[in-house]
C-alpha atoms as a PDB file:
ATOM      1  CA  MET A   1      -0.003   0.152   0.047  1.00  0.00           C
ATOM      2  CA  ASN A   2       1.772   3.276  -1.287  1.00  0.00           C
ATOM      3  CA  ALA A   3       1.416   6.429   0.598  1.00  0.00           C
ATOM      4  CA  ASP A   4      -1.573   8.036  -1.094  1.00  0.00           C
ATOM      5  CA  GLU A   5      -3.246   4.806  -0.437  1.00  0.00           C
ATOM      6  CA  VAL A   6      -2.594   4.924   2.938  1.00  0.00           C
ATOM      7  CA  ASP A   7      -3.724   8.994   3.471  1.00  0.00           C
ATOM      8  CA  ALA A   8      -6.826   7.774   1.599  1.00  0.00           C
ATOM      9  CA  TYR A   9      -7.582   4.944   4.119  1.00  0.00           C
ATOM     10  CA  LEU A  10      -6.886   6.561   6.941  1.00  0.00           C
ATOM     11  CA  HIS A  11      -9.364   9.700   5.275  1.00  0.00           C
ATOM     12  CA  ARG A  12     -12.127   7.457   5.130  1.00  0.00           C
ATOM     13  CA  LEU A  13     -11.659   6.430   8.849  1.00  0.00           C
ATOM     14  CA  GLY A  14     -11.705   9.810   9.657  1.00  0.00           C
ATOM     15  CA  ALA A  15      -8.085   9.441  11.650  1.00  0.00           C
ATOM     16  CA  GLU A  16      -4.927  10.911  11.487  1.00  0.00           C
ATOM     17  CA  HIS A  17      -1.294   9.832  10.320  1.00  0.00           C
ATOM     18  CA  PRO A  18       0.087   8.130  13.602  1.00  0.00           C
ATOM     19  CA  ALA A  19       3.522   8.473  15.206  1.00  0.00           C
ATOM     20  CA  TRP A  20       3.782   5.122  16.194  1.00  0.00           C
ATOM     21  CA  PRO A  21       1.943   1.881  16.043  1.00  0.00           C
ATOM     22  CA  THR A  22       0.631   1.648  19.443  1.00  0.00           C
ATOM     23  CA  VAL A  23      -2.189  -0.217  21.122  1.00  0.00           C
ATOM     24  CA  ASP A  24      -4.264   3.162  21.544  1.00  0.00           C
ATOM     25  CA  VAL A  25      -3.934   3.833  17.890  1.00  0.00           C
ATOM     26  CA  LEU A  26      -5.036   0.123  17.203  1.00  0.00           C
ATOM     27  CA  ARG A  27      -7.885   0.700  19.200  1.00  0.00           C
ATOM     28  CA  GLU A  28      -9.037   4.132  17.489  1.00  0.00           C
ATOM     29  CA  LEU A  29      -8.774   2.244  14.151  1.00  0.00           C
ATOM     30  CA  HIS A  30     -10.440  -0.358  14.971  1.00  0.00           C
ATOM     31  CA  LEU A  31     -13.208   1.527  16.322  1.00  0.00           C
ATOM     32  CA  ARG A  32     -13.068   4.012  13.303  1.00  0.00           C
ATOM     33  CA  HIS A  33     -13.145   1.081  10.879  1.00  0.00           C
ATOM     34  CA  LEU A  34     -16.380  -0.547  12.318  1.00  0.00           C
ATOM     35  CA  LYS A  35     -18.218   2.669  11.980  1.00  0.00           C
ATOM     36  CA  ALA A  36     -16.915   4.307   8.773  1.00  0.00           C
ATOM     37  CA  VAL A  37     -16.562   0.475   6.609  1.00  0.00           C
ATOM     38  CA  PRO A  38     -19.844  -1.401   6.643  1.00  0.00           C
ATOM     39  CA  PHE A  39     -20.076  -5.109   6.885  1.00  0.00           C
ATOM     40  CA  GLU A  40     -21.688  -6.280   3.415  1.00  0.00           C
ATOM     41  CA  ASN A  41     -21.961  -8.840   1.517  1.00  0.00           C
ATOM     42  CA  LEU A  42     -23.606  -7.035  -1.584  1.00  0.00           C
ATOM     43  CA  SER A  43     -21.404  -7.644  -4.222  1.00  0.00           C
ATOM     44  CA  ILE A  44     -22.081 -11.543  -4.080  1.00  0.00           C
ATOM     45  CA  HIS A  45     -26.049 -10.290  -5.204  1.00  0.00           C
ATOM     46  CA  LEU A  46     -25.069  -7.600  -7.295  1.00  0.00           C
ATOM     47  CA  GLY A  47     -22.695  -9.783  -9.436  1.00  0.00           C
ATOM     48  CA  GLU A  48     -19.113  -8.546  -8.624  1.00  0.00           C
ATOM     49  CA  GLU A  49     -16.408 -10.087  -8.691  1.00  0.00           C
ATOM     50  CA  ILE A  50     -14.557 -10.787  -4.973  1.00  0.00           C
ATOM     51  CA  VAL A  51     -11.234 -10.415  -5.590  1.00  0.00           C
ATOM     52  CA  LEU A  52      -8.620 -11.091  -2.652  1.00  0.00           C
ATOM     53  CA  GLU A  53      -5.483  -8.479  -3.748  1.00  0.00           C
ATOM     54  CA  GLU A  54      -4.478  -6.240  -1.596  1.00  0.00           C
ATOM     55  CA  LYS A  55      -4.883  -3.483  -4.176  1.00  0.00           C
ATOM     56  CA  ARG A  56      -8.305  -4.251  -5.571  1.00  0.00           C
ATOM     57  CA  LEU A  57      -9.406  -4.404  -1.658  1.00  0.00           C
ATOM     58  CA  VAL A  58      -8.096  -0.962  -1.197  1.00  0.00           C
ATOM     59  CA  GLU A  59      -9.785   0.092  -4.489  1.00  0.00           C
ATOM     60  CA  LYS A  60     -13.172  -1.016  -3.127  1.00  0.00           C
ATOM     61  CA  LEU A  61     -13.064   0.055   0.642  1.00  0.00           C
ATOM     62  CA  VAL A  62     -11.516   3.514  -0.068  1.00  0.00           C
ATOM     63  CA  GLY A  63     -11.997   4.158  -3.861  1.00  0.00           C
ATOM     64  CA  ALA A  64     -15.388   2.717  -4.093  1.00  0.00           C
ATOM     65  CA  GLY A  65     -16.818   4.087  -1.032  1.00  0.00           C
ATOM     66  CA  ARG A  66     -18.008   0.102  -0.281  1.00  0.00           C
ATOM     67  CA  GLY A  67     -17.106  -2.372   2.664  1.00  0.00           C
ATOM     68  CA  GLY A  68     -17.615  -6.063   2.372  1.00  0.00           C
ATOM     69  CA  PHE A  69     -17.326  -9.525   4.201  1.00  0.00           C
ATOM     70  CA  CYS A  70     -14.605 -10.847   6.590  1.00  0.00           C
ATOM     71  CA  TYR A  71     -11.847 -11.699   3.595  1.00  0.00           C
ATOM     72  CA  GLU A  72     -12.148  -7.899   2.718  1.00  0.00           C
ATOM     73  CA  LEU A  73     -12.391  -6.249   6.008  1.00  0.00           C
ATOM     74  CA  ASN A  74      -9.261  -7.962   7.551  1.00  0.00           C
ATOM     75  CA  GLY A  75      -7.569  -8.061   4.761  1.00  0.00           C
ATOM     76  CA  ALA A  76      -7.777  -4.312   4.046  1.00  0.00           C
ATOM     77  CA  PHE A  77      -7.504  -3.498   7.781  1.00  0.00           C
ATOM     78  CA  GLY A  78      -4.383  -5.726   8.085  1.00  0.00           C
ATOM     79  CA  ALA A  79      -2.731  -4.005   5.112  1.00  0.00           C
ATOM     80  CA  LEU A  80      -3.156  -0.345   6.330  1.00  0.00           C
ATOM     81  CA  LEU A  81      -1.923  -1.646   9.971  1.00  0.00           C
ATOM     82  CA  THR A  82       1.079  -3.302   8.156  1.00  0.00           C
ATOM     83  CA  ALA A  83       1.698   0.044   6.212  1.00  0.00           C
ATOM     84  CA  LEU A  84       1.278   2.342   9.469  1.00  0.00           C
ATOM     85  CA  GLY A  85       4.094  -0.071  11.175  1.00  0.00           C
ATOM     86  CA  PHE A  86       2.148  -2.804  13.286  1.00  0.00           C
ATOM     87  CA  ASP A  87       3.475  -6.296  12.454  1.00  0.00           C
ATOM     88  CA  VAL A  88       0.237  -8.064  11.468  1.00  0.00           C
ATOM     89  CA  THR A  89      -0.488 -11.857  10.771  1.00  0.00           C
ATOM     90  CA  LEU A  90      -3.640 -12.981   8.710  1.00  0.00           C
ATOM     91  CA  MET A  91      -5.332 -16.528  10.457  1.00  0.00           C
ATOM     92  CA  ALA A  92      -7.826 -18.907   9.421  1.00  0.00           C
ATOM     93  CA  ALA A  93     -10.979 -19.268  11.434  1.00  0.00           C
ATOM     94  CA  ARG A  94     -14.103 -21.753  11.318  1.00  0.00           C
ATOM     95  CA  VAL A  95     -17.233 -20.044  12.792  1.00  0.00           C
ATOM     96  CA  HIS A  96     -18.724 -21.920  15.252  1.00  0.00           C
ATOM     97  CA  GLY A  97     -22.697 -22.563  13.911  1.00  0.00           C
ATOM     98  CA  ASP A  98     -25.449 -24.537  14.907  1.00  0.00           C
ATOM     99  CA  GLU A  99     -25.332 -27.568  17.628  1.00  0.00           C
ATOM    100  CA  GLY A 100     -21.647 -26.222  18.175  1.00  0.00           C
ATOM    101  CA  ARG A 101     -20.815 -27.510  14.161  1.00  0.00           C
ATOM    102  CA  LEU A 102     -18.016 -25.821  13.173  1.00  0.00           C
ATOM    103  CA  GLY A 103     -17.871 -24.483   9.588  1.00  0.00           C
ATOM    104  CA  ILE A 104     -14.869 -24.881   6.327  1.00  0.00           C
ATOM    105  CA  PRO A 105     -11.709 -24.746   6.682  1.00  0.00           C
ATOM    106  CA  PHE A 106     -10.787 -20.655   6.056  1.00  0.00           C
ATOM    107  CA  ASP A 107     -14.344 -20.124   6.863  1.00  0.00           C
ATOM    108  CA  HIS A 108     -13.162 -16.133   8.281  1.00  0.00           C
ATOM    109  CA  LEU A 109     -10.028 -14.526   8.601  1.00  0.00           C
ATOM    110  CA  ALA A 110      -8.933 -12.765  11.766  1.00  0.00           C
ATOM    111  CA  LEU A 111      -5.788 -10.405  12.321  1.00  0.00           C
ATOM    112  CA  ARG A 112      -3.139 -11.100  15.317  1.00  0.00           C
ATOM    113  CA  VAL A 113      -1.084  -7.383  15.609  1.00  0.00           C
ATOM    114  CA  ARG A 114       1.747  -6.597  17.808  1.00  0.00           C
ATOM    115  CA  THR A 115       2.287  -3.418  18.963  1.00  0.00           C
ATOM    116  CA  VAL A 116       5.124  -1.634  19.995  1.00  0.00           C
ATOM    117  CA  ASP A 117       3.912  -1.227  23.856  1.00  0.00           C
ATOM    118  CA  HIS A 118       1.619  -3.022  24.302  1.00  0.00           C
ATOM    119  CA  GLY A 119       2.023  -6.551  22.401  1.00  0.00           C
ATOM    120  CA  ASP A 120      -0.189  -8.710  20.376  1.00  0.00           C
ATOM    121  CA  TRP A 121      -3.861  -8.335  20.062  1.00  0.00           C
ATOM    122  CA  LEU A 122      -7.005  -9.741  18.222  1.00  0.00           C
ATOM    123  CA  ALA A 123      -8.374  -7.610  15.860  1.00  0.00           C
ATOM    124  CA  ASP A 124     -11.686  -8.342  13.960  1.00  0.00           C
ATOM    125  CA  VAL A 125     -13.426  -5.997  11.680  1.00  0.00           C
ATOM    126  CA  GLY A 126     -15.044  -8.544   9.409  1.00  0.00           C
ATOM    127  CA  PHE A 127     -17.285 -10.464  11.734  1.00  0.00           C
ATOM    128  CA  GLY A 128     -20.599  -8.081  12.190  1.00  0.00           C
ATOM    129  CA  ALA A 129     -21.185  -7.734  15.340  1.00  0.00           C
ATOM    130  CA  HIS A 130     -18.305  -8.566  17.327  1.00  0.00           C
ATOM    131  CA  SER A 131     -15.906  -6.631  19.986  1.00  0.00           C
ATOM    132  CA  HIS A 132     -15.452  -3.169  19.174  1.00  0.00           C
ATOM    133  CA  TYR A 133     -11.998  -3.064  20.388  1.00  0.00           C
ATOM    134  CA  PRO A 134      -9.346  -5.389  19.839  1.00  0.00           C
ATOM    135  CA  LEU A 135      -9.170  -8.702  22.615  1.00  0.00           C
ATOM    136  CA  ALA A 136      -5.695  -8.857  23.827  1.00  0.00           C
ATOM    137  CA  PHE A 137      -4.061 -12.190  22.391  1.00  0.00           C
ATOM    138  CA  SER A 138      -2.677 -13.895  25.699  1.00  0.00           C
ATOM    139  CA  GLU A 139      -5.186 -13.188  27.640  1.00  0.00           C
ATOM    140  CA  ARG A 140      -7.406 -15.881  29.067  1.00  0.00           C
ATOM    141  CA  GLY A 141      -9.326 -14.109  31.443  1.00  0.00           C
ATOM    142  CA  GLU A 142     -12.941 -12.225  30.350  1.00  0.00           C
ATOM    143  CA  GLN A 143     -12.358  -9.180  28.947  1.00  0.00           C
ATOM    144  CA  SER A 144     -15.216  -6.131  28.893  1.00  0.00           C
ATOM    145  CA  ASP A 145     -15.972  -4.613  25.978  1.00  0.00           C
ATOM    146  CA  PRO A 146     -19.072  -2.287  24.913  1.00  0.00           C
ATOM    147  CA  ASP A 147     -20.664  -5.742  22.745  1.00  0.00           C
ATOM    148  CA  GLY A 148     -20.134  -8.208  25.313  1.00  0.00           C
ATOM    149  CA  ILE A 149     -17.662 -10.288  27.616  1.00  0.00           C
ATOM    150  CA  PHE A 150     -15.242 -12.021  25.740  1.00  0.00           C
ATOM    151  CA  ARG A 151     -12.829 -14.574  26.739  1.00  0.00           C
ATOM    152  CA  ILE A 152      -9.944 -16.224  24.209  1.00  0.00           C
ATOM    153  CA  VAL A 153      -9.760 -20.014  25.575  1.00  0.00           C
ATOM    154  CA  GLU A 154      -7.723 -23.242  24.253  1.00  0.00           C
ATOM    155  CA  ALA A 155     -10.103 -25.269  22.209  1.00  0.00           C
ATOM    156  CA  GLY A 156     -10.310 -28.320  24.623  1.00  0.00           C
ATOM    157  CA  PRO A 157     -12.460 -31.764  24.432  1.00  0.00           C
ATOM    158  CA  ASP A 158     -15.624 -29.884  25.594  1.00  0.00           C
ATOM    159  CA  ALA A 159     -15.104 -28.039  22.227  1.00  0.00           C
ATOM    160  CA  ALA A 160     -17.718 -28.176  18.966  1.00  0.00           C
ATOM    161  CA  GLY A 161     -15.013 -31.185  17.716  1.00  0.00           C
ATOM    162  CA  ALA A 162     -15.489 -33.631  20.375  1.00  0.00           C
ATOM    163  CA  ARG A 163     -19.027 -32.997  19.813  1.00  0.00           C
ATOM    164  CA  GLY A 164     -19.732 -34.553  16.234  1.00  0.00           C
ATOM    165  CA  GLY A 165     -18.487 -31.311  14.682  1.00  0.00           C
ATOM    166  CA  HIS A 166     -16.465 -30.804  11.750  1.00  0.00           C
ATOM    167  CA  GLY A 167     -13.170 -31.688  12.690  1.00  0.00           C
ATOM    168  CA  SER A 168     -11.556 -31.945  16.516  1.00  0.00           C
ATOM    169  CA  ALA A 169      -9.603 -29.265  17.698  1.00  0.00           C
ATOM    170  CA  ASP A 170      -5.789 -28.916  17.131  1.00  0.00           C
ATOM    171  CA  ALA A 171      -3.574 -28.480  20.430  1.00  0.00           C
ATOM    172  CA  ALA A 172      -2.670 -25.107  19.259  1.00  0.00           C
ATOM    173  CA  ASP A 173      -6.370 -23.505  18.630  1.00  0.00           C
ATOM    174  CA  LEU A 174      -8.249 -20.899  20.319  1.00  0.00           C
ATOM    175  CA  ASP A 175     -11.759 -20.435  20.538  1.00  0.00           C
ATOM    176  CA  VAL A 176     -12.804 -16.830  20.796  1.00  0.00           C
ATOM    177  CA  VAL A 177     -16.046 -16.938  23.240  1.00  0.00           C
ATOM    178  CA  ARG A 178     -18.719 -13.863  23.595  1.00  0.00           C
ATOM    179  CA  ASP A 179     -21.167 -14.151  26.276  1.00  0.00           C
ATOM    180  CA  GLY A 180     -20.335 -17.446  26.629  1.00  0.00           C
ATOM    181  CA  ARG A 181     -21.085 -18.668  23.321  1.00  0.00           C
ATOM    182  CA  ARG A 182     -18.254 -20.160  21.479  1.00  0.00           C
ATOM    183  CA  GLU A 183     -18.086 -17.692  18.485  1.00  0.00           C
ATOM    184  CA  TYR A 184     -15.188 -18.988  16.006  1.00  0.00           C
ATOM    185  CA  ARG A 185     -12.025 -21.594  16.593  1.00  0.00           C
ATOM    186  CA  LEU A 186      -8.786 -19.809  15.289  1.00  0.00           C
ATOM    187  CA  GLU A 187      -5.693 -21.778  13.993  1.00  0.00           C
ATOM    188  CA  LEU A 188      -2.136 -20.138  15.168  1.00  0.00           C
ATOM    189  CA  ARG A 189      -0.529 -20.966  11.841  1.00  0.00           C
ATOM    190  CA  PRO A 190       0.390 -17.415   9.857  1.00  0.00           C
ATOM    191  CA  ARG A 191      -1.870 -17.147   6.507  1.00  0.00           C
ATOM    192  CA  ALA A 192      -1.205 -15.566   3.412  1.00  0.00           C
ATOM    193  CA  LEU A 193      -4.584 -13.413   1.780  1.00  0.00           C
ATOM    194  CA  ALA A 194      -4.375 -15.508  -1.420  1.00  0.00           C
ATOM    195  CA  ASP A 195      -5.077 -18.618   1.196  1.00  0.00           C
ATOM    196  CA  PHE A 196      -8.330 -17.473   1.835  1.00  0.00           C
ATOM    197  CA  ALA A 197      -9.288 -17.453  -2.284  1.00  0.00           C
ATOM    198  CA  VAL A 198     -11.029 -20.816  -1.904  1.00  0.00           C
ATOM    199  CA  GLY A 199     -13.356 -19.951   1.434  1.00  0.00           C
ATOM    200  CA  ALA A 200     -14.311 -16.583  -0.316  1.00  0.00           C
ATOM    201  CA  TRP A 201     -15.066 -18.859  -3.548  1.00  0.00           C
ATOM    202  CA  TRP A 202     -17.637 -20.960  -1.293  1.00  0.00           C
ATOM    203  CA  GLN A 203     -19.039 -18.239   0.551  1.00  0.00           C
ATOM    204  CA  SER A 204     -20.255 -16.217  -2.199  1.00  0.00           C
ATOM    205  CA  THR A 205     -21.269 -19.473  -4.374  1.00  0.00           C
ATOM    206  CA  SER A 206     -22.252 -22.096  -2.266  1.00  0.00           C
ATOM    207  CA  PRO A 207     -26.460 -22.730  -1.632  1.00  0.00           C
ATOM    208  CA  ALA A 208     -25.091 -23.921   1.821  1.00  0.00           C
ATOM    209  CA  SER A 209     -23.355 -20.396   2.512  1.00  0.00           C
ATOM    210  CA  ARG A 210     -25.496 -17.989   4.607  1.00  0.00           C
ATOM    211  CA  PHE A 211     -23.851 -15.387   2.696  1.00  0.00           C
ATOM    212  CA  THR A 212     -25.769 -16.627  -0.486  1.00  0.00           C
ATOM    213  CA  GLN A 213     -29.144 -16.638   1.149  1.00  0.00           C
ATOM    214  CA  SER A 214     -29.631 -13.523   2.413  1.00  0.00           C
ATOM    215  CA  LEU A 215     -28.543  -9.764   2.083  1.00  0.00           C
ATOM    216  CA  VAL A 216     -26.628  -7.797   5.014  1.00  0.00           C
ATOM    217  CA  CYS A 217     -25.157  -4.241   5.054  1.00  0.00           C
ATOM    218  CA  SER A 218     -24.167  -3.538   9.074  1.00  0.00           C
ATOM    219  CA  ARG A 219     -21.894  -0.687  10.984  1.00  0.00           C
ATOM    220  CA  VAL A 220     -21.528   0.377  13.823  1.00  0.00           C
ATOM    221  CA  THR A 221     -23.005   3.765  14.794  1.00  0.00           C
ATOM    222  CA  GLU A 222     -21.748   6.951  16.384  1.00  0.00           C
ATOM    223  CA  ASP A 223     -23.511   6.659  19.909  1.00  0.00           C
ATOM    224  CA  GLY A 224     -21.998   2.863  19.832  1.00  0.00           C
ATOM    225  CA  GLY A 225     -25.411   1.129  18.540  1.00  0.00           C
ATOM    226  CA  ARG A 226     -25.846  -0.520  15.616  1.00  0.00           C
ATOM    227  CA  VAL A 227     -27.759  -0.260  12.280  1.00  0.00           C
ATOM    228  CA  THR A 228     -28.451  -3.198   9.921  1.00  0.00           C
ATOM    229  CA  LEU A 229     -30.168  -3.021   6.372  1.00  0.00           C
ATOM    230  CA  ALA A 230     -31.075  -7.066   6.004  1.00  0.00           C
ATOM    231  CA  GLY A 231     -32.692  -6.819   2.626  1.00  0.00           C
ATOM    232  CA  ARG A 232     -35.553  -4.220   3.064  1.00  0.00           C
ATOM    233  CA  SER A 233     -36.070  -4.690   6.773  1.00  0.00           C
ATOM    234  CA  LEU A 234     -33.859  -1.408   8.504  1.00  0.00           C
ATOM    235  CA  THR A 235     -33.013  -2.459  12.241  1.00  0.00           C
ATOM    236  CA  VAL A 236     -31.565   0.616  14.170  1.00  0.00           C
ATOM    237  CA  THR A 237     -30.042  -1.108  17.976  1.00  0.00           C
ATOM    238  CA  ALA A 238     -29.439   1.551  20.167  1.00  0.00           C
ATOM    239  CA  PRO A 239     -26.702   0.857  22.447  1.00  0.00           C
ATOM    240  CA  ASP A 240     -28.920  -0.315  25.359  1.00  0.00           C
ATOM    241  CA  GLY A 241     -30.098  -2.686  22.968  1.00  0.00           C
ATOM    242  CA  GLU A 242     -33.437  -1.285  22.384  1.00  0.00           C
ATOM    243  CA  ARG A 243     -34.448  -2.137  18.774  1.00  0.00           C
ATOM    244  CA  ASP A 244     -36.368   0.038  16.074  1.00  0.00           C
ATOM    245  CA  VAL A 245     -37.649  -2.182  12.893  1.00  0.00           C
ATOM    246  CA  ARG A 246     -38.608  -0.160  10.183  1.00  0.00           C
ATOM    247  CA  GLU A 247     -39.711  -2.292   6.401  1.00  0.00           C
ATOM    248  CA  LEU A 248     -38.611  -0.338   3.641  1.00  0.00           C
ATOM    249  CA  ARG A 249     -41.153  -1.134   0.659  1.00  0.00           C
ATOM    250  CA  ALA A 250     -40.008   1.132  -2.448  1.00  0.00           C
ATOM    251  CA  ASP A 251     -36.928   0.887  -3.658  1.00  0.00           C
ATOM    252  CA  ALA A 252     -35.927   4.484  -3.716  1.00  0.00           C
ATOM    253  CA  GLU A 253     -36.547   3.838   0.180  1.00  0.00           C
ATOM    254  CA  VAL A 254     -34.254   1.251   0.143  1.00  0.00           C
ATOM    255  CA  LEU A 255     -31.451   2.948  -1.953  1.00  0.00           C
ATOM    256  CA  ALA A 256     -31.836   6.226   0.121  1.00  0.00           C
ATOM    257  CA  ALA A 257     -31.081   3.695   3.651  1.00  0.00           C
ATOM    258  CA  TYR A 258     -27.964   2.403   1.490  1.00  0.00           C
ATOM    259  CA  ARG A 259     -26.724   5.557   0.746  1.00  0.00           C
ATOM    260  CA  GLU A 260     -27.659   7.665   3.921  1.00  0.00           C
ATOM    261  CA  ARG A 261     -26.728   5.055   6.481  1.00  0.00           C
ATOM    262  CA  PHE A 262     -23.617   3.375   5.116  1.00  0.00           C
ATOM    263  CA  GLY A 263     -22.349   5.788   2.488  1.00  0.00           C
ATOM    264  CA  ILE A 264     -22.943   3.074  -0.532  1.00  0.00           C
ATOM    265  CA  GLY A 265     -24.477   4.767  -3.464  1.00  0.00           C
ATOM    266  CA  LEU A 266     -26.396   1.797  -6.089  1.00  0.00           C
ATOM    267  CA  ASP A 267     -28.038   2.284  -9.349  1.00  0.00           C
ATOM    268  CA  ARG A 268     -30.322  -0.578  -8.743  1.00  0.00           C
ATOM    269  CA  VAL A 269     -31.617  -2.341  -5.301  1.00  0.00           C
ATOM    270  CA  PRO A 270     -30.028  -5.874  -4.902  1.00  0.00           C
ATOM    271  CA  GLU A 271     -31.919  -8.455  -4.600  1.00  0.00           C
ATOM    272  CA  VAL A 272     -31.055 -12.454  -3.063  1.00  0.00           C
ATOM    273  CA  VAL A 273     -30.550 -15.011  -6.098  1.00  0.00           C
ATOM    274  CA  LYS A 274     -29.469 -18.171  -4.477  1.00  0.00           C
ATOM    275  CA  PRO A 275     -27.616 -20.034  -6.148  1.00  0.00           C
ATOM    276  CA  GLY A 276     -28.927 -23.671  -7.416  1.00  0.00           C
ATOM    277  CA  LEU A 277     -28.134 -27.014  -5.857  1.00  0.00           C
ATOM    278  CA  GLU A 278     -25.901 -28.916  -8.750  1.00  0.00           C
ATOM    279  CA  GLY A 279     -26.889 -32.918  -9.621  1.00  0.00           C
END
């Protein structure tokens, strides 16, 4: 990422160029990213190609003012952090689903980020509703966050793999837990962005993927709540959890919501087109 791209990315986040890659800078950029860049899967339903290359990701998030899903958001954020002097490692994870079953390999991309002053942190701006701030990577106790109580724990025999899930835990795997529920299983092996290409392809094409079955666009609001447009249903969630839900019937209302709530200008309303089953 060149200097102009870094400046443009920071401008989108509303952040100044930091002097040092400290934990305070990481925390600020993490929260700003969640507020400025939405988690969205619109490309899948607009017929847009998803390419996991740094330049293409920056063009989408910064040049086009869009968001993306985990591979895109954390891929681009990791590139920004690296350009700012942080030591960033890409890691693969598998999401805990129904009945504790684990998702596919390379189901999710998360970041291990080393700061110059306070060690390693788990940064994740691509999981939708998740921690507002990075989590201390080596801490095994409770970590309080505006979006819940989080823990990073060793994936032991009581985890999904031992209950008939898709594969058992590796000795080095960690589970990220939010409010007592295991969210995803993290592998510690360093990965490259290209390693996630097959996962991104599956998520964007498979009838079994949750991303092909629905539309979502969501971000953290300035007051710490959340605004989500799921299809034509607009939900504004206050920091105290109170929700206001409104159905948008006219196309003009939907397009206005994308533009005004998320800064995304579209020329047509995306509609779910589920891929057909083969065979």
